[in-house]
Amino acid sequence: MVIDAKLSEGYVVLCDKRAEMHSFLIVSFGLSVECPHCGATELATDLVTDFYLSDQAAA
C-alpha cells in the first residue's frame, strides 16, 4: 500500500496487496489502514512516512 496523493478531502491510498490494484480515500488515519476491497492492512505511520519522504509529496 502507498499513499498516492493528498487531497482536500483526505489521502488517496493505492493497494496492490492482492491480484488487483485498488484505490480508496482515507479522511483521517488511525493506527493502521485497512483496504476496504481486499482487507490488507498497513501501519499508518509507515504509509505517511514513505509518502512525505517520496518525491510525490513535493509535487
PDB file of N, CA and C in Angstrom:
ATOM      1  N   MET A   1       0.836  -1.166   0.000  1.00  0.00           N
ATOM      2  CA  MET A   1       0.000   0.000   0.000  1.00  0.00           C
ATOM      3  C   MET A   1       0.886   1.236   0.000  1.00  0.00           C
ATOM      4  N   VAL A   2       0.432   2.246  -0.705  1.00  0.00           N
ATOM      5  CA  VAL A   2       1.130   3.530  -0.737  1.00  0.00           C
ATOM      6  C   VAL A   2       0.106   4.656  -0.814  1.00  0.00           C
ATOM      7  N   ILE A   3       0.476   5.806  -0.274  1.00  0.00           N
ATOM      8  CA  ILE A   3      -0.343   7.000  -0.442  1.00  0.00           C
ATOM      9  C   ILE A   3       0.021   7.587  -1.789  1.00  0.00           C
ATOM     10  N   ASP A   4      -0.974   7.778  -2.630  1.00  0.00           N
ATOM     11  CA  ASP A   4      -0.750   8.290  -3.976  1.00  0.00           C
ATOM     12  C   ASP A   4      -0.823   9.809  -4.027  1.00  0.00           C
ATOM     13  N   ALA A   5      -1.732  10.400  -3.261  1.00  0.00           N
ATOM     14  CA  ALA A   5      -1.906  11.853  -3.315  1.00  0.00           C
ATOM     15  C   ALA A   5      -2.603  12.344  -2.058  1.00  0.00           C
ATOM     16  N   LYS A   6      -2.378  13.627  -1.763  1.00  0.00           N
ATOM     17  CA  LYS A   6      -3.099  14.293  -0.685  1.00  0.00           C
ATOM     18  C   LYS A   6      -4.080  15.263  -1.320  1.00  0.00           C
ATOM     19  N   LEU A   7      -5.358  15.116  -0.987  1.00  0.00           N
ATOM     20  CA  LEU A   7      -6.417  15.981  -1.484  1.00  0.00           C
ATOM     21  C   LEU A   7      -7.017  16.745  -0.313  1.00  0.00           C
ATOM     22  N   SER A   8      -7.831  17.715  -0.611  1.00  0.00           N
ATOM     23  CA  SER A   8      -8.501  18.451   0.468  1.00  0.00           C
ATOM     24  C   SER A   8      -9.458  17.540   1.249  1.00  0.00           C
ATOM     25  N   GLU A   9      -9.951  16.467   0.601  1.00  0.00           N
ATOM     26  CA  GLU A   9     -10.868  15.524   1.247  1.00  0.00           C
ATOM     27  C   GLU A   9     -10.146  14.476   2.082  1.00  0.00           C
ATOM     28  N   GLY A  10      -8.849  14.273   1.841  1.00  0.00           N
ATOM     29  CA  GLY A  10      -8.089  13.251   2.553  1.00  0.00           C
ATOM     30  C   GLY A  10      -6.932  12.744   1.710  1.00  0.00           C
ATOM     31  N   TYR A  11      -6.552  11.505   1.925  1.00  0.00           N
ATOM     32  CA  TYR A  11      -5.427  10.888   1.214  1.00  0.00           C
ATOM     33  C   TYR A  11      -5.924   9.759   0.316  1.00  0.00           C
ATOM     34  N   VAL A  12      -5.418   9.705  -0.902  1.00  0.00           N
ATOM     35  CA  VAL A  12      -5.726   8.610  -1.818  1.00  0.00           C
ATOM     36  C   VAL A  12      -4.681   7.522  -1.591  1.00  0.00           C
ATOM     37  N   VAL A  13      -5.152   6.337  -1.263  1.00  0.00           N
ATOM     38  CA  VAL A  13      -4.266   5.208  -0.984  1.00  0.00           C
ATOM     39  C   VAL A  13      -4.435   4.168  -2.087  1.00  0.00           C
ATOM     40  N   LEU A  14      -3.318   3.660  -2.590  1.00  0.00           N
ATOM     41  CA  LEU A  14      -3.326   2.577  -3.572  1.00  0.00           C
ATOM     42  C   LEU A  14      -2.933   1.286  -2.877  1.00  0.00           C
ATOM     43  N   CYS A  15      -3.671   0.230  -3.138  1.00  0.00           N
ATOM     44  CA  CYS A  15      -3.377  -1.077  -2.556  1.00  0.00           C
ATOM     45  C   CYS A  15      -3.184  -2.090  -3.677  1.00  0.00           C
ATOM     46  N   ASP A  16      -2.036  -2.751  -3.655  1.00  0.00           N
ATOM     47  CA  ASP A  16      -1.770  -3.818  -4.624  1.00  0.00           C
ATOM     48  C   ASP A  16      -1.378  -5.107  -3.907  1.00  0.00           C
ATOM     49  N   LYS A  17      -1.908  -5.306  -2.713  1.00  0.00           N
ATOM     50  CA  LYS A  17      -1.558  -6.473  -1.902  1.00  0.00           C
ATOM     51  C   LYS A  17      -2.134  -7.777  -2.462  1.00  0.00           C
ATOM     52  N   ARG A  18      -3.177  -7.698  -3.214  1.00  0.00           N
ATOM     53  CA  ARG A  18      -3.793  -8.891  -3.821  1.00  0.00           C
ATOM     54  C   ARG A  18      -3.585  -8.824  -5.332  1.00  0.00           C
ATOM     55  N   ALA A  19      -4.336  -9.533  -6.080  1.00  0.00           N
ATOM     56  CA  ALA A  19      -4.138  -9.653  -7.531  1.00  0.00           C
ATOM     57  C   ALA A  19      -4.414  -8.360  -8.293  1.00  0.00           C
ATOM     58  N   GLU A  20      -5.286  -7.503  -7.776  1.00  0.00           N
ATOM     59  CA  GLU A  20      -5.679  -6.291  -8.488  1.00  0.00           C
ATOM     60  C   GLU A  20      -5.259  -5.047  -7.717  1.00  0.00           C
ATOM     61  N   MET A  21      -5.167  -3.922  -8.429  1.00  0.00           N
ATOM     62  CA  MET A  21      -4.868  -2.632  -7.811  1.00  0.00           C
ATOM     63  C   MET A  21      -6.180  -1.962  -7.422  1.00  0.00           C
ATOM     64  N   HIS A  22      -6.256  -1.475  -6.185  1.00  0.00           N
ATOM     65  CA  HIS A  22      -7.429  -0.772  -5.683  1.00  0.00           C
ATOM     66  C   HIS A  22      -7.001   0.595  -5.178  1.00  0.00           C
ATOM     67  N   SER A  23      -7.896   1.546  -5.229  1.00  0.00           N
ATOM     68  CA  SER A  23      -7.644   2.848  -4.616  1.00  0.00           C
ATOM     69  C   SER A  23      -8.822   3.192  -3.721  1.00  0.00           C
ATOM     70  N   PHE A  24      -8.530   3.923  -2.654  1.00  0.00           N
ATOM     71  CA  PHE A  24      -9.578   4.357  -1.740  1.00  0.00           C
ATOM     72  C   PHE A  24      -9.115   5.613  -1.019  1.00  0.00           C
ATOM     73  N   LEU A  25     -10.049   6.303  -0.389  1.00  0.00           N
ATOM     74  CA  LEU A  25      -9.787   7.570   0.272  1.00  0.00           C
ATOM     75  C   LEU A  25      -9.765   7.373   1.781  1.00  0.00           C
ATOM     76  N   ILE A  26      -8.748   7.934   2.432  1.00  0.00           N
ATOM     77  CA  ILE A  26      -8.654   7.946   3.887  1.00  0.00           C
ATOM     78  C   ILE A  26      -8.826   9.388   4.337  1.00  0.00           C
ATOM     79  N   VAL A  27      -9.822   9.650   5.172  1.00  0.00           N
ATOM     80  CA  VAL A  27     -10.067  11.000   5.652  1.00  0.00           C
ATOM     81  C   VAL A  27      -9.155  11.309   6.837  1.00  0.00           C
ATOM     82  N   SER A  28      -9.026  10.375   7.765  1.00  0.00           N
ATOM     83  CA  SER A  28      -8.121  10.536   8.899  1.00  0.00           C
ATOM     84  C   SER A  28      -7.521   9.172   9.225  1.00  0.00           C
ATOM     85  N   PHE A  29      -6.304   9.192   9.708  1.00  0.00           N
ATOM     86  CA  PHE A  29      -5.579   7.954   9.986  1.00  0.00           C
ATOM     87  C   PHE A  29      -5.771   7.512  11.423  1.00  0.00           C
ATOM     88  N   GLY A  30      -5.857   6.201  11.603  1.00  0.00           N
ATOM     89  CA  GLY A  30      -5.812   5.578  12.913  1.00  0.00           C
ATOM     90  C   GLY A  30      -4.443   4.938  13.055  1.00  0.00           C
ATOM     91  N   LEU A  31      -4.353   3.882  13.830  1.00  0.00           N
ATOM     92  CA  LEU A  31      -3.079   3.180  13.981  1.00  0.00           C
ATOM     93  C   LEU A  31      -2.701   2.410  12.727  1.00  0.00           C
ATOM     94  N   SER A  32      -3.714   1.865  12.057  1.00  0.00           N
ATOM     95  CA  SER A  32      -3.454   1.114  10.834  1.00  0.00           C
ATOM     96  C   SER A  32      -4.490   1.475   9.781  1.00  0.00           C
ATOM     97  N   VAL A  33      -4.188   1.100   8.541  1.00  0.00           N
ATOM     98  CA  VAL A  33      -5.077   1.339   7.413  1.00  0.00           C
ATOM     99  C   VAL A  33      -5.474  -0.020   6.852  1.00  0.00           C
ATOM    100  N   GLU A  34      -6.763  -0.231   6.656  1.00  0.00           N
ATOM    101  CA  GLU A  34      -7.250  -1.482   6.078  1.00  0.00           C
ATOM    102  C   GLU A  34      -7.892  -1.190   4.733  1.00  0.00           C
ATOM    103  N   CYS A  35      -7.491  -1.940   3.718  1.00  0.00           N
ATOM    104  CA  CYS A  35      -8.079  -1.801   2.396  1.00  0.00           C
ATOM    105  C   CYS A  35      -9.519  -2.316   2.443  1.00  0.00           C
ATOM    106  N   PRO A  36     -10.489  -1.495   2.054  1.00  0.00           N
ATOM    107  CA  PRO A  36     -11.882  -1.940   2.088  1.00  0.00           C
ATOM    108  C   PRO A  36     -12.211  -2.971   1.010  1.00  0.00           C
ATOM    109  N   HIS A  37     -11.329  -3.143   0.045  1.00  0.00           N
ATOM    110  CA  HIS A  37     -11.577  -4.084  -1.051  1.00  0.00           C
ATOM    111  C   HIS A  37     -11.049  -5.479  -0.747  1.00  0.00           C
ATOM    112  N   CYS A  38      -9.812  -5.561  -0.221  1.00  0.00           N
ATOM    113  CA  CYS A  38      -9.200  -6.883  -0.021  1.00  0.00           C
ATOM    114  C   CYS A  38      -8.891  -7.212   1.434  1.00  0.00           C
ATOM    115  N   GLY A  39      -8.968  -6.228   2.327  1.00  0.00           N
ATOM    116  CA  GLY A  39      -8.742  -6.477   3.744  1.00  0.00           C
ATOM    117  C   GLY A  39      -7.290  -6.404   4.188  1.00  0.00           C
ATOM    118  N   ALA A  40      -6.368  -6.098   3.289  1.00  0.00           N
ATOM    119  CA  ALA A  40      -4.953  -5.975   3.656  1.00  0.00           C
ATOM    120  C   ALA A  40      -4.779  -4.791   4.603  1.00  0.00           C
ATOM    121  N   THR A  41      -3.821  -4.880   5.520  1.00  0.00           N
ATOM    122  CA  THR A  41      -3.571  -3.798   6.468  1.00  0.00           C
ATOM    123  C   THR A  41      -2.121  -3.342   6.390  1.00  0.00           C
ATOM    124  N   GLU A  42      -1.923  -2.108   6.808  1.00  0.00           N
ATOM    125  CA  GLU A  42      -0.590  -1.492   6.826  1.00  0.00           C
ATOM    126  C   GLU A  42      -0.581  -0.482   7.969  1.00  0.00           C
ATOM    127  N   LEU A  43       0.565  -0.313   8.605  1.00  0.00           N
ATOM    128  CA  LEU A  43       0.677   0.697   9.648  1.00  0.00           C
ATOM    129  C   LEU A  43       0.586   2.090   9.033  1.00  0.00           C
ATOM    130  N   ALA A  44      -0.235   2.940   9.615  1.00  0.00           N
ATOM    131  CA  ALA A  44      -0.428   4.291   9.096  1.00  0.00           C
ATOM    132  C   ALA A  44       0.871   5.088   9.146  1.00  0.00           C
ATOM    133  N   THR A  45       1.665   4.905  10.188  1.00  0.00           N
ATOM    134  CA  THR A  45       2.927   5.652  10.299  1.00  0.00           C
ATOM    135  C   THR A  45       3.873   5.320   9.160  1.00  0.00           C
ATOM    136  N   ASP A  46       3.897   4.067   8.727  1.00  0.00           N
ATOM    137  CA  ASP A  46       4.754   3.678   7.604  1.00  0.00           C
ATOM    138  C   ASP A  46       4.288   4.333   6.305  1.00  0.00           C
ATOM    139  N   LEU A  47       2.980   4.348   6.081  1.00  0.00           N
ATOM    140  CA  LEU A  47       2.441   4.958   4.859  1.00  0.00           C
ATOM    141  C   LEU A  47       2.738   6.452   4.801  1.00  0.00           C
ATOM    142  N   VAL A  48       2.493   7.142   5.899  1.00  0.00           N
ATOM    143  CA  VAL A  48       2.692   8.592   5.929  1.00  0.00           C
ATOM    144  C   VAL A  48       4.167   8.942   5.809  1.00  0.00           C
ATOM    145  N   THR A  49       5.027   8.209   6.497  1.00  0.00           N
ATOM    146  CA  THR A  49       6.473   8.461   6.409  1.00  0.00           C
ATOM    147  C   THR A  49       6.974   8.263   4.995  1.00  0.00           C
ATOM    148  N   ASP A  50       6.590   7.173   4.364  1.00  0.00           N
ATOM    149  CA  ASP A  50       7.015   6.915   2.984  1.00  0.00           C
ATOM    150  C   ASP A  50       6.511   7.992   2.035  1.00  0.00           C
ATOM    151  N   PHE A  51       5.285   8.464   2.249  1.00  0.00           N
ATOM    152  CA  PHE A  51       4.711   9.498   1.383  1.00  0.00           C
ATOM    153  C   PHE A  51       5.495  10.800   1.494  1.00  0.00           C
ATOM    154  N   TYR A  52       5.752  11.235   2.703  1.00  0.00           N
ATOM    155  CA  TYR A  52       6.427  12.529   2.872  1.00  0.00           C
ATOM    156  C   TYR A  52       7.913  12.482   2.531  1.00  0.00           C
ATOM    157  N   LEU A  53       8.505  11.303   2.539  1.00  0.00           N
ATOM    158  CA  LEU A  53       9.904  11.180   2.131  1.00  0.00           C
ATOM    159  C   LEU A  53      10.053  10.981   0.625  1.00  0.00           C
ATOM    160  N   SER A  54       8.946  10.727  -0.064  1.00  0.00           N
ATOM    161  CA  SER A  54       8.992  10.498  -1.506  1.00  0.00           C
ATOM    162  C   SER A  54       8.887  11.816  -2.261  1.00  0.00           C
ATOM    163  N   ASP A  55       9.141  11.759  -3.535  1.00  0.00           N
ATOM    164  CA  ASP A  55       9.032  12.934  -4.400  1.00  0.00           C
ATOM    165  C   ASP A  55       7.593  13.336  -4.642  1.00  0.00           C
ATOM    166  N   GLN A  56       6.648  12.432  -4.424  1.00  0.00           N
ATOM    167  CA  GLN A  56       5.234  12.728  -4.660  1.00  0.00           C
ATOM    168  C   GLN A  56       4.740  13.843  -3.754  1.00  0.00           C
ATOM    169  N   ALA A  57       5.212  13.904  -2.531  1.00  0.00           N
ATOM    170  CA  ALA A  57       4.757  14.915  -1.594  1.00  0.00           C
ATOM    171  C   ALA A  57       5.200  16.308  -2.028  1.00  0.00           C
ATOM    172  N   ALA A  58       6.309  16.394  -2.720  1.00  0.00           N
ATOM    173  CA  ALA A  58       6.823  17.688  -3.165  1.00  0.00           C
ATOM    174  C   ALA A  58       6.060  18.222  -4.373  1.00  0.00           C
ATOM    175  N   ALA A  59       5.385  17.341  -5.093  1.00  0.00           N
ATOM    176  CA  ALA A  59       4.673  17.745  -6.321  1.00  0.00           C
ATOM    177  C   ALA A  59       3.377  18.436  -6.024  1.00  0.00           C
TER     178      ALA A  59
END
